[in-house]
Amino acid sequence: MNAKKNALGRGLGALIADAETIKSAIVNEIPIHQIEVNPYQPRTEFDEEALQELSESIRLFGIIQPITVRKIEENRYQLISGERRLRASISIGLESIPAYVRQANDQEMLEMALIENIHRKDLDPIEIALSYQRLIDECNLTQEQLSERVRKNRSTIANFLRLLKLPDEIQLGLKQNKISVGHARALINIDDPETQRMIYQQILKYDFSVRKVEDIVRELNIEAEKNTVKTNRVYQRTKEIFNLKEQLRSKLNCKVDIKKTNLGTGKIVVYFDNEHQFDQILKKLTE
């Protein structure tokens, strides 16, 4: 078990195959109809134009890098990595494809697929963030363990995960390159989703730079902080007056009202119901 954990902790190279393993591994030519796709593949969208370019490259030069599969039963395999190569090969009518055959359980399959996915250069930030979240949720990893797996700083991982807190509309805009990661990270610093959406629409309409959005967010947060301080002061003053009223009511055994303005002026009103109560109040006030 410890050996397994250490291997997984080395990151993508250990999960897929390191350089020495590749050199010594046997490449099998496997019929394509015997290979099923990876059910744990986190990537659901593939660039058709890029797939066509890959298909043409394979037609001209063949498969440069074998795919990786695991054997699930006799003459049946499941893809671990290389779905684009497999799709491209199918599109040009290849009947077989070179592949490394690995041993892997379902947990390792999921982890390998997610980590390989994260290391792709054509992923958008939301796809990366979702892969990180799935590794945490489905592979029971902490952010520290995930950091070791993917060889990324924990702060980098945390920043990607924060993108998933943005409204769906903004996440979609990030996926579609309508805004940059810098824009999104600035918007994260606003707590109110409606305000986030409002600024997002302004970015699209006026083509705001990241610096401009950061300035807007900073001004909004400063104003919000001022309002919070003001609210806290009002609350504290109200609480103090309430406590004072209760102390006087208890001491004088009567209803007491206190009115105080922001300038510090005001009045204290003491209520009594009869002469006897009035005399008692006076006595207590002059003691």
Protein backbone atom coordinates (compact mmCIF):
# COMPACT_ATOMS: atom_id res chain seq x y z
CA MET A 1 0.00 0.00 0.00
CA ASN A 2 2.79 2.44 0.88
CA ALA A 3 4.57 1.73 -2.38
CA LYS A 4 1.36 2.47 -4.24
CA LYS A 5 0.90 5.76 -2.42
CA ASN A 6 4.46 6.81 -3.16
CA ALA A 7 4.01 6.07 -6.84
CA LEU A 8 0.80 8.06 -7.02
CA GLY A 9 2.46 10.89 -5.18
CA ARG A 10 5.08 11.32 -7.90
CA GLY A 11 2.55 12.91 -10.22
CA LEU A 12 1.64 12.33 -13.87
CA GLY A 13 4.90 10.65 -14.82
CA ALA A 14 4.40 7.92 -12.23
CA LEU A 15 0.71 7.51 -13.04
CA ILE A 16 1.04 7.14 -16.80
CA ALA A 17 4.61 5.89 -17.21
CA ASP A 18 8.03 7.34 -16.55
CA ALA A 19 10.78 7.49 -19.16
CA GLU A 20 12.40 4.19 -18.16
CA THR A 21 9.05 2.36 -18.17
CA ILE A 22 8.29 3.66 -21.65
CA LYS A 23 11.63 2.42 -22.95
CA SER A 24 11.11 -1.10 -21.57
CA ALA A 25 7.34 -1.43 -22.08
CA ILE A 26 5.99 -3.63 -24.84
CA VAL A 27 3.80 -1.88 -27.37
CA ASN A 28 0.82 -3.99 -28.42
CA GLU A 29 -1.06 -3.52 -31.66
CA ILE A 30 -4.65 -3.73 -30.46
CA PRO A 31 -7.76 -3.89 -32.67
CA ILE A 32 -9.67 -0.65 -32.19
CA HIS A 33 -13.03 -2.44 -31.87
CA GLN A 34 -11.69 -4.11 -28.70
CA ILE A 35 -11.10 -0.75 -26.98
CA GLU A 36 -13.81 1.09 -25.06
CA VAL A 37 -13.50 4.67 -23.94
CA ASN A 38 -12.56 5.62 -20.41
CA PRO A 39 -15.79 6.10 -18.40
CA TYR A 40 -13.83 8.37 -16.06
CA GLN A 41 -12.67 10.68 -18.85
CA PRO A 42 -13.34 14.19 -17.49
CA ARG A 43 -13.14 15.80 -20.90
CA THR A 44 -16.46 15.83 -22.74
CA GLU A 45 -15.75 18.34 -25.54
CA PHE A 46 -13.14 17.92 -28.26
CA ASP A 47 -12.10 20.54 -30.80
CA GLU A 48 -13.24 19.11 -34.13
CA GLU A 49 -10.76 21.16 -36.16
CA ALA A 50 -7.87 19.99 -33.97
CA LEU A 51 -9.09 16.39 -34.30
CA GLN A 52 -9.11 16.71 -38.09
CA GLU A 53 -5.55 18.02 -38.02
CA LEU A 54 -4.50 15.10 -35.81
CA SER A 55 -6.26 12.66 -38.14
CA GLU A 56 -4.34 14.01 -41.11
CA SER A 57 -1.07 13.78 -39.19
CA ILE A 58 -1.80 10.15 -38.28
CA ARG A 59 -2.71 9.41 -41.90
CA LEU A 60 0.67 10.76 -43.03
CA PHE A 61 3.01 9.69 -40.23
CA GLY A 62 1.14 7.09 -38.20
CA ILE A 63 0.75 7.01 -34.40
CA ILE A 64 3.86 8.64 -32.92
CA GLN A 65 2.89 8.06 -29.28
CA PRO A 66 0.96 4.89 -28.37
CA ILE A 67 -2.20 5.18 -26.32
CA THR A 68 -2.44 3.60 -22.86
CA VAL A 69 -5.11 1.03 -21.95
CA ARG A 70 -5.94 -1.50 -19.26
CA LYS A 71 -7.15 -5.02 -19.92
CA ILE A 72 -10.59 -5.66 -18.46
CA GLU A 73 -11.23 -9.13 -19.92
CA GLU A 74 -10.05 -11.35 -22.75
CA ASN A 75 -9.81 -9.24 -25.92
CA ARG A 76 -11.40 -6.25 -24.17
CA TYR A 77 -9.54 -3.11 -23.16
CA GLN A 78 -10.41 0.20 -21.59
CA LEU A 79 -8.72 3.43 -22.55
CA ILE A 80 -6.64 5.19 -19.90
CA SER A 81 -5.11 7.98 -21.97
CA GLY A 82 -5.05 9.02 -25.61
CA GLU A 83 -8.73 9.50 -26.47
CA ARG A 84 -7.94 12.13 -29.11
CA ARG A 85 -5.52 9.72 -30.84
CA LEU A 86 -8.14 6.97 -30.66
CA ARG A 87 -10.88 9.20 -32.07
CA ALA A 88 -8.63 10.44 -34.86
CA SER A 89 -7.62 6.89 -35.76
CA ILE A 90 -11.25 5.80 -35.92
CA SER A 91 -12.10 8.77 -38.15
CA ILE A 92 -9.59 7.69 -40.81
CA GLY A 93 -10.64 4.06 -40.66
CA LEU A 94 -7.69 2.46 -38.85
CA GLU A 95 -8.43 -1.04 -37.63
CA SER A 96 -5.75 -1.23 -34.94
CA ILE A 97 -3.66 1.11 -32.82
CA PRO A 98 -0.39 0.77 -30.86
CA ALA A 99 -0.95 0.76 -27.10
CA TYR A 100 0.73 0.21 -23.76
CA VAL A 101 -1.25 -2.16 -21.54
CA ARG A 102 -1.30 -1.25 -17.85
CA GLN A 103 -2.78 -2.65 -14.67
CA ALA A 104 -5.13 -0.16 -12.98
CA ASN A 105 -8.20 -0.28 -10.76
CA ASP A 106 -11.15 2.09 -11.02
CA GLN A 107 -9.67 4.56 -8.52
CA GLU A 108 -6.39 4.70 -10.41
CA MET A 109 -8.24 5.01 -13.72
CA LEU A 110 -10.09 8.07 -12.50
CA GLU A 111 -6.99 9.63 -11.00
CA MET A 112 -4.86 8.99 -14.10
CA ALA A 113 -7.51 10.38 -16.43
CA LEU A 114 -7.99 13.51 -14.34
CA ILE A 115 -4.29 14.19 -13.86
CA GLU A 116 -3.50 13.62 -17.52
CA ASN A 117 -6.36 15.96 -18.36
CA ILE A 118 -4.99 18.67 -16.08
CA HIS A 119 -1.61 18.60 -17.84
CA ARG A 120 -3.11 19.24 -21.26
CA LYS A 121 -2.26 22.64 -22.72
CA ASP A 122 -5.62 23.22 -24.41
CA LEU A 123 -7.79 23.05 -21.30
CA ASP A 124 -9.78 26.10 -20.28
CA PRO A 125 -9.56 27.26 -16.63
CA ILE A 126 -12.97 25.87 -15.69
CA GLU A 127 -12.08 22.41 -17.02
CA ILE A 128 -8.91 22.50 -14.91
CA ALA A 129 -10.84 23.67 -11.86
CA LEU A 130 -13.45 20.92 -12.30
CA SER A 131 -10.71 18.30 -12.63
CA TYR A 132 -9.13 19.55 -9.40
CA GLN A 133 -12.51 19.41 -7.66
CA ARG A 134 -13.18 15.87 -8.87
CA LEU A 135 -9.76 14.72 -7.65
CA ILE A 136 -10.56 16.18 -4.23
CA ASP A 137 -14.11 14.83 -4.06
CA GLU A 138 -13.89 11.47 -5.83
CA CYS A 139 -10.30 10.49 -4.98
CA ASN A 140 -10.58 11.78 -1.40
CA LEU A 141 -7.55 14.04 -1.70
CA THR A 142 -6.75 17.11 0.35
CA GLN A 143 -5.43 20.20 -1.39
CA GLU A 144 -1.97 19.34 -0.05
CA GLN A 145 -2.12 15.82 -1.49
CA LEU A 146 -3.46 17.17 -4.77
CA SER A 147 -0.59 19.64 -4.88
CA GLU A 148 1.86 16.74 -4.68
CA ARG A 149 0.01 14.73 -7.35
CA VAL A 150 -0.09 17.45 -10.01
CA ARG A 151 3.12 19.26 -9.03
CA LYS A 152 1.36 22.58 -8.56
CA ASN A 153 1.50 25.02 -5.66
CA ARG A 154 -1.44 24.74 -3.30
CA SER A 155 -2.21 28.43 -3.85
CA THR A 156 -2.49 27.77 -7.60
CA ILE A 157 -4.96 24.97 -6.98
CA ALA A 158 -6.95 27.11 -4.53
CA ASN A 159 -7.18 29.94 -7.08
CA PHE A 160 -8.56 27.58 -9.72
CA LEU A 161 -11.09 26.10 -7.29
CA ARG A 162 -12.33 29.59 -6.40
CA LEU A 163 -13.38 30.05 -10.04
CA LEU A 164 -16.12 27.47 -9.46
CA LYS A 165 -17.78 29.87 -6.99
CA LEU A 166 -18.53 32.34 -9.80
CA PRO A 167 -22.04 32.40 -11.30
CA ASP A 168 -22.58 29.95 -14.16
CA GLU A 169 -22.87 32.80 -16.66
CA ILE A 170 -19.37 34.04 -15.82
CA GLN A 171 -17.90 30.51 -15.79
CA LEU A 172 -19.29 30.01 -19.30
CA GLY A 173 -17.79 33.33 -20.41
CA LEU A 174 -14.41 32.17 -19.12
CA LYS A 175 -14.74 28.84 -20.97
CA GLN A 176 -15.60 30.71 -24.17
CA ASN A 177 -12.67 33.15 -23.78
CA LYS A 178 -15.01 36.12 -23.44
CA ILE A 179 -13.03 37.12 -20.33
CA SER A 180 -9.60 36.18 -19.03
CA VAL A 181 -8.61 34.41 -15.84
CA GLY A 182 -7.44 37.80 -14.55
CA HIS A 183 -10.94 39.23 -15.01
CA ALA A 184 -12.46 36.22 -13.25
CA ARG A 185 -10.07 36.39 -10.30
CA ALA A 186 -10.92 40.05 -9.82
CA LEU A 187 -14.65 39.26 -9.84
CA ILE A 188 -14.17 36.54 -7.21
CA ASN A 189 -13.30 39.27 -4.69
CA ILE A 190 -16.90 40.52 -4.82
CA ASP A 191 -19.30 38.65 -2.53
CA ASP A 192 -22.57 39.54 -4.23
CA PRO A 193 -23.35 37.41 -7.34
CA GLU A 194 -25.59 40.09 -8.85
CA THR A 195 -22.79 42.65 -8.65
CA GLN A 196 -20.43 40.10 -10.21
CA ARG A 197 -22.84 39.64 -13.12
CA MET A 198 -23.27 43.39 -13.53
CA ILE A 199 -19.52 43.99 -13.80
CA TYR A 200 -19.17 40.97 -16.09
CA GLN A 201 -21.69 42.53 -18.50
CA GLN A 202 -19.75 45.81 -18.37
CA ILE A 203 -16.53 43.95 -19.23
CA LEU A 204 -18.21 42.49 -22.32
CA LYS A 205 -19.81 45.80 -23.31
CA TYR A 206 -16.88 48.14 -22.75
CA ASP A 207 -13.95 45.72 -23.12
CA PHE A 208 -12.58 46.57 -19.67
CA SER A 209 -8.99 45.57 -18.97
CA VAL A 210 -8.11 43.43 -15.97
CA ARG A 211 -6.60 46.50 -14.27
CA LYS A 212 -9.84 48.44 -14.79
CA VAL A 213 -11.89 45.63 -13.24
CA GLU A 214 -9.49 45.38 -10.31
CA ASP A 215 -9.90 49.13 -9.71
CA ILE A 216 -13.71 48.83 -9.83
CA VAL A 217 -13.68 45.91 -7.39
CA ARG A 218 -11.30 47.75 -5.05
CA GLU A 219 -13.56 50.84 -4.96
CA LEU A 220 -16.65 48.71 -4.34
CA ASN A 221 -14.97 46.86 -1.48
CA ILE A 222 -13.75 50.11 0.10
CA GLU A 223 -17.29 51.50 -0.02
CA ALA A 224 -18.70 48.26 1.37
CA GLU A 225 -16.18 48.36 4.21
CA LYS A 226 -17.18 51.94 5.04
CA ASN A 227 -20.83 50.93 5.14
CA THR A 228 -20.00 47.96 7.35
CA VAL A 229 -18.09 50.19 9.79
CA LYS A 230 -20.98 52.66 9.83
CA THR A 231 -23.49 49.88 10.44
CA ASN A 232 -21.37 48.45 13.25
CA ARG A 233 -21.14 51.85 14.92
CA VAL A 234 -24.91 52.31 14.77
CA TYR A 235 -25.41 48.83 16.18
CA GLN A 236 -22.92 49.44 18.97
CA ARG A 237 -24.52 52.76 19.89
CA THR A 238 -28.00 51.20 19.88
CA LYS A 239 -26.77 48.36 22.07
CA GLU A 240 -25.19 50.78 24.56
CA ILE A 241 -28.37 52.85 24.79
CA PHE A 242 -30.50 49.74 25.26
CA ASN A 243 -28.25 48.51 28.08
CA LEU A 244 -28.36 51.93 29.75
CA LYS A 245 -32.16 52.01 29.52
CA GLU A 246 -32.33 48.58 31.14
CA GLN A 247 -30.02 49.67 33.96
CA LEU A 248 -32.12 52.78 34.67
CA ARG A 249 -35.39 50.85 34.44
CA SER A 250 -34.08 48.30 36.93
CA LYS A 251 -32.75 50.95 39.30
CA LEU A 252 -35.79 53.23 39.18
CA ASN A 253 -38.38 50.49 38.70
CA CYS A 254 -40.14 52.37 35.93
CA LYS A 255 -40.18 52.82 32.19
CA VAL A 256 -37.26 54.87 30.83
CA ASP A 257 -36.66 56.18 27.32
CA ILE A 258 -33.43 57.65 25.95
CA LYS A 259 -33.14 59.72 22.78
CA LYS A 260 -29.66 60.55 21.51
CA THR A 261 -28.60 62.25 18.27
CA ASN A 262 -25.38 61.81 16.27
CA LEU A 263 -24.20 65.12 17.72
CA GLY A 264 -24.34 63.73 21.24
CA THR A 265 -27.40 65.74 22.31
CA GLY A 266 -30.64 64.16 23.49
CA LYS A 267 -32.88 63.51 26.45
CA ILE A 268 -33.75 60.91 29.07
CA VAL A 269 -37.46 60.49 29.77
CA VAL A 270 -38.60 58.83 33.02
CA TYR A 271 -42.24 57.71 33.18
CA PHE A 272 -44.37 57.40 36.34
CA ASP A 273 -47.99 56.48 36.89
CA ASN A 274 -48.83 58.15 40.20
CA GLU A 275 -47.56 60.39 43.00
CA HIS A 276 -46.23 57.49 45.00
CA GLN A 277 -44.12 56.23 42.09
CA PHE A 278 -42.95 59.79 41.43
CA ASP A 279 -41.79 60.11 45.05
CA GLN A 280 -39.99 56.76 44.86
CA ILE A 281 -38.17 57.79 41.67
CA LEU A 282 -37.07 61.11 43.22
CA LYS A 283 -35.85 59.35 46.32
CA LYS A 284 -33.72 56.96 44.26
CA LEU A 285 -32.36 59.76 42.12
CA THR A 286 -31.28 61.81 45.16
CA GLU A 287 -29.78 58.99 47.15
